[in-house]
Protein backbone atom coordinates (compact mmCIF):
# COMPACT_ATOMS: atom_id res chain seq x y z
CA MET A 1 8.54 14.63 12.84
CA VAL A 2 10.86 11.67 13.54
CA ARG A 3 8.01 9.47 14.79
CA GLN A 4 5.75 10.47 11.91
CA HIS A 5 7.80 9.42 8.89
CA TYR A 6 10.06 6.33 9.35
CA ARG A 7 11.89 7.07 6.11
CA GLY A 8 14.58 9.63 5.49
CA VAL A 9 17.72 10.41 3.55
CA LEU A 10 21.12 9.80 5.10
CA LEU A 11 23.93 11.94 3.71
CA ALA A 12 27.16 10.03 4.33
CA ASP A 13 29.75 12.59 3.24
CA ASP A 14 28.56 13.20 -0.34
CA THR A 15 26.65 9.93 -0.75
CA VAL A 16 22.85 10.15 -0.68
CA LEU A 17 21.20 7.09 0.89
CA PRO A 18 17.39 6.97 1.12
CA ARG A 19 16.68 4.70 4.10
CA ASN A 20 13.85 3.25 6.12
CA TYR A 21 14.43 3.65 9.84
CA VAL A 22 12.91 2.81 13.19
CA ILE A 23 13.49 4.16 16.65
CA ASP A 24 15.13 1.92 19.23
CA GLY A 25 12.83 2.70 22.16
CA ALA A 26 15.40 1.67 24.76
CA THR A 27 18.14 4.02 23.56
CA GLY A 28 16.36 6.60 21.41
CA ARG A 29 18.72 5.89 18.52
CA LEU A 30 17.56 5.53 14.93
CA VAL A 31 18.19 2.12 13.37
CA ILE A 32 18.89 1.71 9.65
CA SER A 33 20.47 -0.82 7.34
CA ILE A 34 23.67 0.38 5.71
CA ALA A 35 26.59 -1.27 3.93
CA ALA A 36 29.54 0.82 5.17
CA LEU A 37 30.39 3.31 7.91
CA GLU A 38 33.69 4.81 6.76
CA CYS A 39 32.60 8.45 6.30
CA ASP A 40 33.49 11.63 8.14
CA SER A 41 30.03 13.18 8.29
CA TYR A 42 26.52 11.74 8.63
CA VAL A 43 23.34 13.81 8.49
CA MET A 44 19.88 12.25 8.46
CA HIS A 45 17.22 14.35 6.72
CA ILE A 46 13.61 13.60 7.65
CA PRO A 47 11.42 13.11 5.67
CA ASP A 48 13.83 13.79 2.78
CA GLU A 49 16.62 16.08 1.63
CA ARG A 50 15.05 19.52 1.35
CA HIS A 51 15.47 22.93 2.98
CA ASP A 52 12.64 22.52 5.52
CA ALA A 53 13.53 18.95 6.57
CA LEU A 54 14.53 17.98 10.08
CA GLN A 55 18.30 17.50 9.98
CA LEU A 56 19.96 15.21 12.49
CA MET A 57 23.73 15.06 12.80
CA VAL A 58 24.34 11.45 13.79
CA GLU A 59 27.15 9.11 14.76
CA PRO A 60 26.62 5.54 13.54
CA ALA A 61 27.63 2.34 15.31
CA TRP A 62 27.32 -1.21 13.98
CA LEU A 63 24.64 -3.47 15.40
CA ASP A 64 24.80 -7.25 15.60
CA SER A 65 21.63 -8.54 13.94
CA ALA A 66 21.89 -11.80 15.90
CA ARG A 67 21.88 -9.96 19.25
CA ASP A 68 20.28 -6.54 18.83
CA GLY A 69 16.49 -6.59 18.88
CA ALA A 70 16.42 -3.19 17.19
CA CYS A 71 17.40 -4.95 13.94
CA ASP A 72 14.31 -7.16 14.22
CA ARG A 73 12.25 -4.03 14.87
CA LEU A 74 13.36 -2.57 11.52
CA LEU A 75 12.28 -5.76 9.75
CA ILE A 76 8.96 -5.89 11.63
CA TYR A 77 8.15 -2.32 10.64
CA HIS A 78 9.34 -2.39 7.03
CA GLN A 79 9.45 -6.14 6.24
CA ARG A 80 12.78 -5.67 4.46
CA ALA A 81 16.16 -4.01 4.80
CA GLU A 82 18.19 -2.25 2.11
CA THR A 83 21.35 -4.13 3.14
CA PRO A 84 22.12 -7.09 5.43
CA ARG A 85 24.04 -4.87 7.92
CA PHE A 86 22.48 -2.62 10.53
CA ALA A 87 23.62 0.49 12.36
CA ALA A 88 22.30 2.61 15.20
CA LEU A 89 22.45 6.36 14.68
CA GLU A 90 23.11 8.36 17.85
CA ILE A 91 21.71 11.87 17.50
CA VAL A 92 24.46 14.39 18.22
CA ASP A 93 22.75 17.60 17.11
CA SER A 94 19.56 18.63 15.36
CA LYS A 95 18.25 21.45 13.25
CA TRP A 96 14.78 22.20 11.97
CA SER A 97 14.40 25.67 10.48
CA GLY A 98 17.18 26.63 12.88
CA PRO A 99 18.86 24.83 15.77
CA LEU A 100 16.60 23.12 18.29
CA ASP A 101 17.23 24.55 21.74
CA HIS A 102 16.39 21.40 23.68
CA GLY A 103 17.55 17.82 23.57
CA LEU A 104 15.72 15.42 21.29
CA SER A 105 14.70 12.35 23.29
CA LEU A 106 13.15 9.43 21.46
CA ILE A 107 13.20 6.93 24.33
CA ASN A 108 9.93 5.01 24.53
CA ARG A 109 8.59 5.19 28.07
CA LEU A 110 6.00 2.50 27.19
CA ARG A 111 8.49 -0.06 25.85
CA ILE A 112 7.79 -2.54 28.69
CA GLU A 113 4.05 -2.51 27.92
CA GLU A 114 4.50 -2.22 24.14
CA PRO A 115 4.32 -5.96 23.25
CA ARG A 116 1.11 -6.41 25.25
CA LEU A 117 -0.46 -3.27 23.75
CA CYS A 118 0.41 -4.42 20.21
CA ARG A 119 -1.08 -7.87 20.91
CA THR A 120 -4.29 -6.22 22.15
CA LEU A 121 -4.53 -4.04 19.03
CA ASN A 122 -3.75 -6.96 16.70
CA GLN A 123 -6.41 -9.30 18.13
CA ASP A 124 -8.88 -8.08 15.51
CA GLN A 125 -7.54 -6.62 12.26
CA GLY A 126 -10.99 -5.38 11.25
CA ARG A 127 -11.44 -3.53 14.52
CA LEU A 128 -7.96 -2.00 14.25
CA GLY A 129 -8.82 -0.81 10.75
CA ALA A 130 -12.07 0.70 12.07
CA ILE A 131 -10.14 2.52 14.82
CA VAL A 132 -7.76 4.00 12.23
CA GLN A 133 -10.75 5.02 10.08
CA ARG A 134 -12.49 6.65 13.04
CA ARG A 135 -9.41 8.45 14.41
CA LEU A 136 -7.58 9.38 11.19
CA GLY A 137 -10.35 9.34 8.61
CA ARG A 138 -8.49 6.97 6.33
CA THR A 139 -8.95 3.42 5.21
CA VAL A 140 -6.01 1.07 5.65
CA ILE A 141 -5.44 -2.40 4.25
CA GLU A 142 -4.09 -5.18 6.47
CA PRO A 143 -3.33 -3.01 9.53
CA ARG A 144 -0.91 -4.39 12.10
CA ALA A 145 0.19 -2.50 15.21
CA VAL A 146 3.99 -2.69 15.32
CA GLY A 147 4.82 -0.04 17.91
CA VAL A 148 3.30 1.94 20.77
CA ASP A 149 4.95 4.84 22.59
CA GLN A 150 3.76 7.63 24.85
CA LEU A 151 2.76 9.76 21.85
CA GLY A 152 0.95 7.24 19.65
CA ILE A 153 0.78 3.99 17.74
CA ASP A 154 2.66 2.85 14.63
CA ILE A 155 0.59 0.69 12.31
CA ARG A 156 2.08 -1.21 9.37
CA THR A 157 -0.27 -1.43 6.43
CA ARG A 158 0.09 -2.85 2.95
CA THR A 159 1.27 0.57 1.75
CA GLY A 160 3.57 1.60 4.62
CA ILE A 161 3.59 2.87 8.18
CA VAL A 162 0.69 4.94 9.51
CA ARG A 163 1.18 7.00 12.67
CA MET A 164 -1.92 7.27 14.87
CA PRO A 165 -1.16 9.82 17.59
CA PHE A 166 -2.79 9.85 21.00
CA ASP A 167 -4.72 12.99 21.92
CA ALA A 168 -2.01 13.77 24.51
CA GLN A 169 1.21 12.26 25.82
CA LEU A 170 0.13 9.22 27.85
CA HIS A 171 1.55 7.21 30.74
CA ALA A 172 1.34 3.42 30.60
CA ASP A 173 -1.95 3.09 32.49
CA GLN A 174 -3.54 5.81 30.33
CA ALA A 175 -2.38 4.14 27.09
CA ILE A 176 -3.68 0.77 28.27
CA ALA A 177 -7.07 2.31 29.13
CA ALA A 178 -7.31 4.21 25.80
CA ILE A 179 -6.46 1.13 23.72
CA ASN A 180 -8.87 -1.07 25.69
CA ASP A 181 -11.63 1.53 25.21
CA TRP A 182 -10.96 1.73 21.44
CA MET A 183 -11.01 -2.05 21.09
CA ALA A 184 -14.28 -2.32 23.07
CA ALA A 185 -16.09 0.36 21.05
């Protein structure tokens, strides 16, 4: 659910803040842009604020946009930020139609290979679009791979982020082989 949407609603006390987010693959924290962090309670609803949404109780911490690459990641994915300040949201607890009984880990085990895999996918925009068409059955305009993790690929298009999942959770060598096969087909 978290990897599928990349937009949610942050409730900061009683303030409702629709926000784009990305996952910092090194830490598993969500990264958003936000103007202030002086609230007592923060809950991120994904994809939006409704009864069946994934609810994440989070603790925010400021990021330094000049030093934290996760801020650049947000801009690469969404090409804009709602505010000039960025925060990382540490997931403290989660609930989705009841409490989740296991920890929620969003660490990207392919983060070392991710830049190379994105470069491979982005060598040919037409071929990447054909792969999305073949695997998801949808046409995308101006596809650009912006993220790869063990569960799938994030592709920025003119209309937003498209998640293209792998058929199974992959290790680095398996992801490299799958992407190379797709690009050769």
